[in-house]
Amino acid sequence: MDQAKFRNLMRQQAGAVTIIAVGKPGARTGLTATAMCSLTDSPPMVLICVNRKASAHAPIREERCFSVNILAKPQDELARRFSTKKLEGEARFDADDWEILATGAPVLKGTIASLDCELVAEHEVETHSIFIGRVREGRFAETAEPLVYFRGEFKGLA
């Protein structure tokens, strides 16, 4: 199938917008992603799909941890910041917006939910790696409205 047609097909599925983040302060990086899902609740695990060309790919392998930060509607600017090539690495992070939980991965404040994950497995498929993370710590806010990606745009549910 043609790559452009496939992308258009996949844009018809609304998806939660996340920021995947990795690294210690001063050497952090991350990306905006919708390719994330829960895998099992016993033990608690998620999987993420990351392009091998992404700046976060090698650090996830090296650090053996990452965070998955499910964005709230007001965080659409952050979604854009972490998806652009104009800013990379540490330049995408505002120091006051991030904290460290169990694994040492950067975790975004003010999200709908954040999962602090230890890397337990990796599978390579064509251009991407599927990283499986065991959730070591997490938190959520019940009242926040989610940010979704639909038809090439970031939107709220309303």
C-alpha atoms as a PDB file:
ATOM      1  CA  MET A   1       0.000   0.000   0.000  1.00  0.00           C
ATOM      2  CA  ASP A   2       1.107   3.546  -0.689  1.00  0.00           C
ATOM      3  CA  GLN A   3       2.607   5.233   2.415  1.00  0.00           C
ATOM      4  CA  ALA A   4       0.568   8.453   2.041  1.00  0.00           C
ATOM      5  CA  LYS A   5      -2.694   6.506   1.684  1.00  0.00           C
ATOM      6  CA  PHE A   6      -1.860   4.423   4.761  1.00  0.00           C
ATOM      7  CA  ARG A   7      -1.161   7.582   6.804  1.00  0.00           C
ATOM      8  CA  ASN A   8      -4.500   9.044   5.710  1.00  0.00           C
ATOM      9  CA  LEU A   9      -6.257   5.836   6.667  1.00  0.00           C
ATOM     10  CA  MET A  10      -4.664   5.847  10.126  1.00  0.00           C
ATOM     11  CA  ARG A  11      -5.556   9.517  10.686  1.00  0.00           C
ATOM     12  CA  GLN A  12      -9.207   8.439  10.735  1.00  0.00           C
ATOM     13  CA  GLN A  13      -8.641   6.797  14.109  1.00  0.00           C
ATOM     14  CA  ALA A  14      -8.710   9.237  17.005  1.00  0.00           C
ATOM     15  CA  GLY A  15      -5.864   8.581  19.404  1.00  0.00           C
ATOM     16  CA  ALA A  16      -4.629   9.786  22.752  1.00  0.00           C
ATOM     17  CA  VAL A  17      -1.661  12.124  22.425  1.00  0.00           C
ATOM     18  CA  THR A  18       1.384  11.272  24.515  1.00  0.00           C
ATOM     19  CA  ILE A  19       4.871  12.554  25.056  1.00  0.00           C
ATOM     20  CA  ILE A  20       7.444   9.819  25.450  1.00  0.00           C
ATOM     21  CA  ALA A  21      10.413  11.175  27.430  1.00  0.00           C
ATOM     22  CA  VAL A  22      13.794   9.829  28.472  1.00  0.00           C
ATOM     23  CA  GLY A  23      17.078  11.036  29.930  1.00  0.00           C
ATOM     24  CA  LYS A  24      18.574  12.887  32.849  1.00  0.00           C
ATOM     25  CA  PRO A  25      18.305  16.703  33.200  1.00  0.00           C
ATOM     26  CA  GLY A  26      20.653  18.278  30.698  1.00  0.00           C
ATOM     27  CA  ALA A  27      20.439  15.280  28.369  1.00  0.00           C
ATOM     28  CA  ARG A  28      16.690  14.723  28.031  1.00  0.00           C
ATOM     29  CA  THR A  29      14.833  14.056  24.812  1.00  0.00           C
ATOM     30  CA  GLY A  30      11.355  13.033  23.803  1.00  0.00           C
ATOM     31  CA  LEU A  31       8.721  12.834  21.126  1.00  0.00           C
ATOM     32  CA  THR A  32       5.004  13.194  20.587  1.00  0.00           C
ATOM     33  CA  ALA A  33       3.373   9.832  19.907  1.00  0.00           C
ATOM     34  CA  THR A  34       0.001   8.174  19.541  1.00  0.00           C
ATOM     35  CA  ALA A  35       1.422   4.650  19.162  1.00  0.00           C
ATOM     36  CA  MET A  36       1.066   3.549  22.795  1.00  0.00           C
ATOM     37  CA  CYS A  37      -1.230   1.076  24.501  1.00  0.00           C
ATOM     38  CA  SER A  38      -1.594  -0.987  27.630  1.00  0.00           C
ATOM     39  CA  LEU A  39      -0.281  -4.523  27.314  1.00  0.00           C
ATOM     40  CA  THR A  40      -1.162  -6.231  30.614  1.00  0.00           C
ATOM     41  CA  ASP A  41      -2.187  -5.247  34.124  1.00  0.00           C
ATOM     42  CA  SER A  42      -0.415  -8.136  35.848  1.00  0.00           C
ATOM     43  CA  PRO A  43       2.308  -7.047  35.835  1.00  0.00           C
ATOM     44  CA  PRO A  44       1.390  -3.538  34.670  1.00  0.00           C
ATOM     45  CA  MET A  45       2.978  -3.028  31.233  1.00  0.00           C
ATOM     46  CA  VAL A  46       2.615  -0.756  28.216  1.00  0.00           C
ATOM     47  CA  LEU A  47       4.065  -0.793  24.756  1.00  0.00           C
ATOM     48  CA  ILE A  48       5.249   2.141  22.679  1.00  0.00           C
ATOM     49  CA  CYS A  49       6.363   2.262  19.064  1.00  0.00           C
ATOM     50  CA  VAL A  50       9.320   4.532  18.280  1.00  0.00           C
ATOM     51  CA  ASN A  51      10.959   5.214  14.927  1.00  0.00           C
ATOM     52  CA  ARG A  52      14.615   4.177  15.047  1.00  0.00           C
ATOM     53  CA  LYS A  53      15.548   7.605  13.623  1.00  0.00           C
ATOM     54  CA  ALA A  54      13.859   9.425  16.538  1.00  0.00           C
ATOM     55  CA  SER A  55      16.172  11.170  19.000  1.00  0.00           C
ATOM     56  CA  ALA A  56      14.633   9.205  21.888  1.00  0.00           C
ATOM     57  CA  HIS A  57      15.232   5.765  20.390  1.00  0.00           C
ATOM     58  CA  ALA A  58      18.866   5.202  21.401  1.00  0.00           C
ATOM     59  CA  PRO A  59      18.463   6.830  24.849  1.00  0.00           C
ATOM     60  CA  ILE A  60      15.528   4.533  25.679  1.00  0.00           C
ATOM     61  CA  ARG A  61      17.784   1.560  24.936  1.00  0.00           C
ATOM     62  CA  GLU A  62      20.691   3.031  26.916  1.00  0.00           C
ATOM     63  CA  GLU A  63      18.757   4.346  29.934  1.00  0.00           C
ATOM     64  CA  ARG A  64      16.456   1.279  30.058  1.00  0.00           C
ATOM     65  CA  CYS A  65      13.545   3.511  31.107  1.00  0.00           C
ATOM     66  CA  PHE A  66      11.067   6.044  29.703  1.00  0.00           C
ATOM     67  CA  SER A  67       7.899   7.874  30.641  1.00  0.00           C
ATOM     68  CA  VAL A  68       4.572   7.941  28.838  1.00  0.00           C
ATOM     69  CA  ASN A  69       2.708  11.184  29.479  1.00  0.00           C
ATOM     70  CA  ILE A  70      -0.929  11.255  28.314  1.00  0.00           C
ATOM     71  CA  LEU A  71      -1.666  14.877  27.489  1.00  0.00           C
ATOM     72  CA  ALA A  72      -4.574  17.051  28.582  1.00  0.00           C
ATOM     73  CA  LYS A  73      -6.265  19.453  26.131  1.00  0.00           C
ATOM     74  CA  PRO A  74      -4.353  22.545  27.358  1.00  0.00           C
ATOM     75  CA  GLN A  75      -1.069  20.778  26.518  1.00  0.00           C
ATOM     76  CA  ASP A  76      -1.515  20.958  22.733  1.00  0.00           C
ATOM     77  CA  GLU A  77       1.410  23.385  22.458  1.00  0.00           C
ATOM     78  CA  LEU A  78       3.663  20.822  24.155  1.00  0.00           C
ATOM     79  CA  ALA A  79       2.480  18.204  21.669  1.00  0.00           C
ATOM     80  CA  ARG A  80       3.559  20.510  18.840  1.00  0.00           C
ATOM     81  CA  ARG A  81       6.878  21.312  20.520  1.00  0.00           C
ATOM     82  CA  PHE A  82       7.776  17.639  20.905  1.00  0.00           C
ATOM     83  CA  SER A  83       6.765  16.848  17.313  1.00  0.00           C
ATOM     84  CA  THR A  84       8.766  19.550  15.528  1.00  0.00           C
ATOM     85  CA  LYS A  85      12.280  19.270  14.134  1.00  0.00           C
ATOM     86  CA  LYS A  86      12.870  22.962  15.013  1.00  0.00           C
ATOM     87  CA  LEU A  87      13.536  22.068  18.651  1.00  0.00           C
ATOM     88  CA  GLU A  88      15.339  18.961  19.800  1.00  0.00           C
ATOM     89  CA  GLY A  89      16.555  17.379  23.004  1.00  0.00           C
ATOM     90  CA  GLU A  90      16.735  19.515  26.110  1.00  0.00           C
ATOM     91  CA  ALA A  91      15.367  22.566  24.245  1.00  0.00           C
ATOM     92  CA  ARG A  92      11.915  20.942  24.312  1.00  0.00           C
ATOM     93  CA  PHE A  93      11.818  20.790  28.123  1.00  0.00           C
ATOM     94  CA  ASP A  94      10.787  23.533  30.583  1.00  0.00           C
ATOM     95  CA  ALA A  95      12.500  22.656  33.855  1.00  0.00           C
ATOM     96  CA  ASP A  96       9.509  23.509  36.078  1.00  0.00           C
ATOM     97  CA  ASP A  97       7.143  21.241  34.127  1.00  0.00           C
ATOM     98  CA  TRP A  98       9.037  17.994  34.733  1.00  0.00           C
ATOM     99  CA  GLU A  99       9.888  15.777  37.676  1.00  0.00           C
ATOM    100  CA  ILE A 100      11.533  12.439  38.401  1.00  0.00           C
ATOM    101  CA  LEU A 101       9.711   9.422  39.817  1.00  0.00           C
ATOM    102  CA  ALA A 102      10.924   5.824  40.344  1.00  0.00           C
ATOM    103  CA  THR A 103      13.038   5.075  37.245  1.00  0.00           C
ATOM    104  CA  GLY A 104      14.734   8.446  36.751  1.00  0.00           C
ATOM    105  CA  ALA A 105      12.916   9.176  33.474  1.00  0.00           C
ATOM    106  CA  PRO A 106      11.480  12.696  33.132  1.00  0.00           C
ATOM    107  CA  VAL A 107       7.738  12.778  33.944  1.00  0.00           C
ATOM    108  CA  LEU A 108       5.529  15.660  32.824  1.00  0.00           C
ATOM    109  CA  LYS A 109       3.374  17.454  35.392  1.00  0.00           C
ATOM    110  CA  GLY A 110      -0.255  18.360  34.669  1.00  0.00           C
ATOM    111  CA  THR A 111      -1.098  15.403  32.440  1.00  0.00           C
ATOM    112  CA  ILE A 112      -4.184  13.233  32.446  1.00  0.00           C
ATOM    113  CA  ALA A 113      -1.873  10.375  33.359  1.00  0.00           C
ATOM    114  CA  SER A 114       1.860   9.710  33.490  1.00  0.00           C
ATOM    115  CA  LEU A 115       3.482   6.289  33.548  1.00  0.00           C
ATOM    116  CA  ASP A 116       7.078   5.837  34.687  1.00  0.00           C
ATOM    117  CA  CYS A 117       8.389   2.724  32.938  1.00  0.00           C
ATOM    118  CA  GLU A 118      11.342   0.373  33.097  1.00  0.00           C
ATOM    119  CA  LEU A 119      12.263  -1.094  29.695  1.00  0.00           C
ATOM    120  CA  VAL A 120      11.830  -4.886  29.777  1.00  0.00           C
ATOM    121  CA  ALA A 121      11.762  -5.872  26.090  1.00  0.00           C
ATOM    122  CA  GLU A 122      12.294  -4.556  22.588  1.00  0.00           C
ATOM    123  CA  HIS A 123      11.202  -5.862  19.197  1.00  0.00           C
ATOM    124  CA  GLU A 124      12.340  -4.370  15.886  1.00  0.00           C
ATOM    125  CA  VAL A 125       9.849  -4.152  13.028  1.00  0.00           C
ATOM    126  CA  GLU A 126      10.950  -2.439   9.806  1.00  0.00           C
ATOM    127  CA  THR A 127      11.609   1.245  10.701  1.00  0.00           C
ATOM    128  CA  HIS A 128      10.396   1.113  14.313  1.00  0.00           C
ATOM    129  CA  SER A 129      11.058  -0.556  17.623  1.00  0.00           C
ATOM    130  CA  ILE A 130       8.317  -1.750  19.909  1.00  0.00           C
ATOM    131  CA  PHE A 131       9.463  -1.014  23.446  1.00  0.00           C
ATOM    132  CA  ILE A 132       7.696  -2.807  26.291  1.00  0.00           C
ATOM    133  CA  GLY A 133       7.831  -1.084  29.643  1.00  0.00           C
ATOM    134  CA  ARG A 134       6.886  -2.274  33.107  1.00  0.00           C
ATOM    135  CA  VAL A 135       5.089   0.569  34.867  1.00  0.00           C
ATOM    136  CA  ARG A 136       6.952   1.288  38.107  1.00  0.00           C
ATOM    137  CA  GLU A 137       5.025   4.357  39.167  1.00  0.00           C
ATOM    138  CA  GLY A 138       2.241   6.543  37.836  1.00  0.00           C
ATOM    139  CA  ARG A 139      -0.327   9.175  38.586  1.00  0.00           C
ATOM    140  CA  PHE A 140      -3.474  10.605  37.032  1.00  0.00           C
ATOM    141  CA  ALA A 141      -5.963  13.477  37.199  1.00  0.00           C
ATOM    142  CA  GLU A 142      -9.627  12.500  36.918  1.00  0.00           C
ATOM    143  CA  THR A 143     -10.943  15.888  35.867  1.00  0.00           C
ATOM    144  CA  ALA A 144      -8.698  16.798  32.913  1.00  0.00           C
ATOM    145  CA  GLU A 145     -10.031  16.758  29.338  1.00  0.00           C
ATOM    146  CA  PRO A 146      -7.911  14.605  26.993  1.00  0.00           C
ATOM    147  CA  LEU A 147      -6.017  15.826  23.968  1.00  0.00           C
ATOM    148  CA  VAL A 148      -6.630  13.642  20.924  1.00  0.00           C
ATOM    149  CA  TYR A 149      -5.087  13.442  17.471  1.00  0.00           C
ATOM    150  CA  PHE A 150      -7.647  13.118  14.686  1.00  0.00           C
ATOM    151  CA  ARG A 151      -7.339  13.764  10.964  1.00  0.00           C
ATOM    152  CA  GLY A 152      -3.969  15.421  11.341  1.00  0.00           C
ATOM    153  CA  GLU A 153      -4.967  17.820  14.143  1.00  0.00           C
ATOM    154  CA  PHE A 154      -4.785  18.020  17.928  1.00  0.00           C
ATOM    155  CA  LYS A 155      -8.277  18.403  19.393  1.00  0.00           C
ATOM    156  CA  GLY A 156     -10.312  18.113  22.561  1.00  0.00           C
ATOM    157  CA  LEU A 157     -13.339  15.846  22.797  1.00  0.00           C
ATOM    158  CA  ALA A 158     -15.901  18.653  22.716  1.00  0.00           C
END
